Amino acid sequence: MTITIRIPTTFRELTKGNSVISSDGSTLNQLLENIKTEYPDFVNRVLDEEGNLQRFVNIFLDDEDIRFLGKLETKLEDGQTVSIVPAVAGGKN
C-alpha cells in the first residue's frame, strides 16, 4: 500500500527538499511512524511530544480534514493523498 504525502514549502527542509514523499500505513498515525525513520524532524514538527497533532498543523486526506474523520487513527487506503498544511497567521489590524 502506498500513500502520497504532500509537503508544504515551509517543511521541505525537513524532508531533504522533497515536495512529495510516499510511505505506507493502515492509519495516519502508522504512516507518520513509518516516515519518522527517514524524516524524524518532519514528524516532530507535525506531532507534539505526546504524539498529538500540533495545533498549528492541518492534515487533509484527499481534501478532508482529518480532525473531522478519525484524527490520527484515520484509516488509509492504497493510493490516497495526505496533504500537510501549516496554519498561516499574521497581517495588519
C-alpha atoms as a PDB file:
ATOM      1  CA  MET A   1       0.000   0.000   0.000  1.00  0.00           C
ATOM      2  CA  THR A   2       1.412   3.381  -0.982  1.00  0.00           C
ATOM      3  CA  ILE A   3       0.228   6.732   0.358  1.00  0.00           C
ATOM      4  CA  THR A   4       1.444  10.018  -1.150  1.00  0.00           C
ATOM      5  CA  ILE A   5       2.286  12.824   1.297  1.00  0.00           C
ATOM      6  CA  ARG A   6       2.401  16.419   0.028  1.00  0.00           C
ATOM      7  CA  ILE A   7       4.932  18.529   1.893  1.00  0.00           C
ATOM      8  CA  PRO A   8       4.461  22.328   2.199  1.00  0.00           C
ATOM      9  CA  THR A   9       7.335  24.606   1.221  1.00  0.00           C
ATOM     10  CA  THR A  10       8.000  25.599   4.836  1.00  0.00           C
ATOM     11  CA  PHE A  11       8.588  21.935   5.841  1.00  0.00           C
ATOM     12  CA  ARG A  12      10.647  20.816   2.823  1.00  0.00           C
ATOM     13  CA  GLU A  13      13.936  21.491   4.576  1.00  0.00           C
ATOM     14  CA  LEU A  14      12.891  18.646   6.903  1.00  0.00           C
ATOM     15  CA  THR A  15      12.261  16.219   4.023  1.00  0.00           C
ATOM     16  CA  LYS A  16      15.558  16.769   2.160  1.00  0.00           C
ATOM     17  CA  GLY A  17      13.846  19.261  -0.153  1.00  0.00           C
ATOM     18  CA  ASN A  18      11.151  16.818  -1.297  1.00  0.00           C
ATOM     19  CA  SER A  19       7.742  18.292  -2.090  1.00  0.00           C
ATOM     20  CA  VAL A  20       6.187  14.818  -2.181  1.00  0.00           C
ATOM     21  CA  ILE A  21       7.148  11.679  -0.301  1.00  0.00           C
ATOM     22  CA  SER A  22       5.437   8.311  -0.048  1.00  0.00           C
ATOM     23  CA  SER A  23       5.148   5.587   2.524  1.00  0.00           C
ATOM     24  CA  ASP A  24       2.637   3.088   3.809  1.00  0.00           C
ATOM     25  CA  GLY A  25       0.431   2.568   6.832  1.00  0.00           C
ATOM     26  CA  SER A  26      -3.118   1.489   7.568  1.00  0.00           C
ATOM     27  CA  THR A  27      -3.734   4.609   9.701  1.00  0.00           C
ATOM     28  CA  LEU A  28      -2.348   8.131   9.613  1.00  0.00           C
ATOM     29  CA  ASN A  29      -0.526   7.505  12.888  1.00  0.00           C
ATOM     30  CA  GLN A  30       1.139   4.412  11.427  1.00  0.00           C
ATOM     31  CA  LEU A  31       2.069   6.339   8.282  1.00  0.00           C
ATOM     32  CA  LEU A  32       3.770   9.054  10.347  1.00  0.00           C
ATOM     33  CA  GLU A  33       5.576   6.419  12.402  1.00  0.00           C
ATOM     34  CA  ASN A  34       6.917   4.854   9.190  1.00  0.00           C
ATOM     35  CA  ILE A  35       8.055   8.251   7.872  1.00  0.00           C
ATOM     36  CA  LYS A  36       9.799   9.046  11.154  1.00  0.00           C
ATOM     37  CA  THR A  37      12.704   6.705  10.419  1.00  0.00           C
ATOM     38  CA  GLU A  38      13.766   8.747   7.377  1.00  0.00           C
ATOM     39  CA  TYR A  39      12.385  12.186   8.316  1.00  0.00           C
ATOM     40  CA  PRO A  40      12.322  12.417  12.146  1.00  0.00           C
ATOM     41  CA  ASP A  41      12.465  16.234  12.248  1.00  0.00           C
ATOM     42  CA  PHE A  42       9.488  16.455   9.887  1.00  0.00           C
ATOM     43  CA  VAL A  43       7.334  14.220  12.081  1.00  0.00           C
ATOM     44  CA  ASN A  44       8.478  16.107  15.185  1.00  0.00           C
ATOM     45  CA  ARG A  45       7.215  19.327  13.570  1.00  0.00           C
ATOM     46  CA  VAL A  46       3.822  17.732  12.793  1.00  0.00           C
ATOM     47  CA  LEU A  47       3.318  15.997  16.163  1.00  0.00           C
ATOM     48  CA  ASP A  48       3.925  17.296  19.666  1.00  0.00           C
ATOM     49  CA  GLU A  49       5.956  15.489  22.346  1.00  0.00           C
ATOM     50  CA  GLU A  50       2.918  13.444  23.359  1.00  0.00           C
ATOM     51  CA  GLY A  51       2.280  12.260  19.799  1.00  0.00           C
ATOM     52  CA  ASN A  52      -0.713  14.535  19.188  1.00  0.00           C
ATOM     53  CA  LEU A  53      -1.179  16.704  16.129  1.00  0.00           C
ATOM     54  CA  GLN A  54       0.337  20.159  16.619  1.00  0.00           C
ATOM     55  CA  ARG A  55      -2.319  22.893  16.851  1.00  0.00           C
ATOM     56  CA  PHE A  56      -0.770  24.865  14.001  1.00  0.00           C
ATOM     57  CA  VAL A  57      -0.696  21.927  11.557  1.00  0.00           C
ATOM     58  CA  ASN A  58      -3.653  20.746   9.486  1.00  0.00           C
ATOM     59  CA  ILE A  59      -3.712  17.391   7.735  1.00  0.00           C
ATOM     60  CA  PHE A  60      -6.058  16.567   4.898  1.00  0.00           C
ATOM     61  CA  LEU A  61      -6.789  13.135   3.482  1.00  0.00           C
ATOM     62  CA  ASP A  62      -7.995  13.536  -0.080  1.00  0.00           C
ATOM     63  CA  ASP A  63      -9.243  17.068   0.763  1.00  0.00           C
ATOM     64  CA  GLU A  64     -10.990  16.006   4.007  1.00  0.00           C
ATOM     65  CA  ASP A  65      -9.709  17.455   7.299  1.00  0.00           C
ATOM     66  CA  ILE A  66      -8.624  14.521   9.483  1.00  0.00           C
ATOM     67  CA  ARG A  67      -9.973  16.317  12.565  1.00  0.00           C
ATOM     68  CA  PHE A  68     -13.447  15.502  11.214  1.00  0.00           C
ATOM     69  CA  LEU A  69     -12.514  11.939  10.282  1.00  0.00           C
ATOM     70  CA  GLY A  70     -10.627   9.761  12.745  1.00  0.00           C
ATOM     71  CA  LYS A  71      -7.838  12.219  13.584  1.00  0.00           C
ATOM     72  CA  LEU A  72      -4.541  10.308  13.760  1.00  0.00           C
ATOM     73  CA  GLU A  73      -6.428   6.994  13.704  1.00  0.00           C
ATOM     74  CA  THR A  74      -7.967   7.836  10.312  1.00  0.00           C
ATOM     75  CA  LYS A  75      -7.892   4.720   8.134  1.00  0.00           C
ATOM     76  CA  LEU A  76      -5.864   4.928   4.927  1.00  0.00           C
ATOM     77  CA  GLU A  77      -6.274   3.127   1.622  1.00  0.00           C
ATOM     78  CA  ASP A  78      -3.800   2.496  -1.170  1.00  0.00           C
ATOM     79  CA  GLY A  79      -3.369   5.459  -3.497  1.00  0.00           C
ATOM     80  CA  GLN A  80      -4.718   8.136  -1.167  1.00  0.00           C
ATOM     81  CA  THR A  81      -3.021  11.518  -0.752  1.00  0.00           C
ATOM     82  CA  VAL A  82      -2.227  13.187   2.549  1.00  0.00           C
ATOM     83  CA  SER A  83      -1.595  16.945   2.495  1.00  0.00           C
ATOM     84  CA  ILE A  84       0.193  18.659   5.367  1.00  0.00           C
ATOM     85  CA  VAL A  85      -0.827  22.326   5.680  1.00  0.00           C
ATOM     86  CA  PRO A  86       0.646  24.589   8.351  1.00  0.00           C
ATOM     87  CA  ALA A  87      -1.658  27.270   9.709  1.00  0.00           C
ATOM     88  CA  VAL A  88      -0.971  30.794   8.471  1.00  0.00           C
ATOM     89  CA  ALA A  89      -1.455  33.826  10.652  1.00  0.00           C
ATOM     90  CA  GLY A  90      -0.480  37.451  10.589  1.00  0.00           C
ATOM     91  CA  GLY A  91      -1.414  40.649   8.870  1.00  0.00           C
ATOM     92  CA  LYS A  92      -2.490  44.098   9.938  1.00  0.00           C
ATOM     93  CA  ASN A  93      -5.330  45.043  12.219  1.00  0.00           C
END
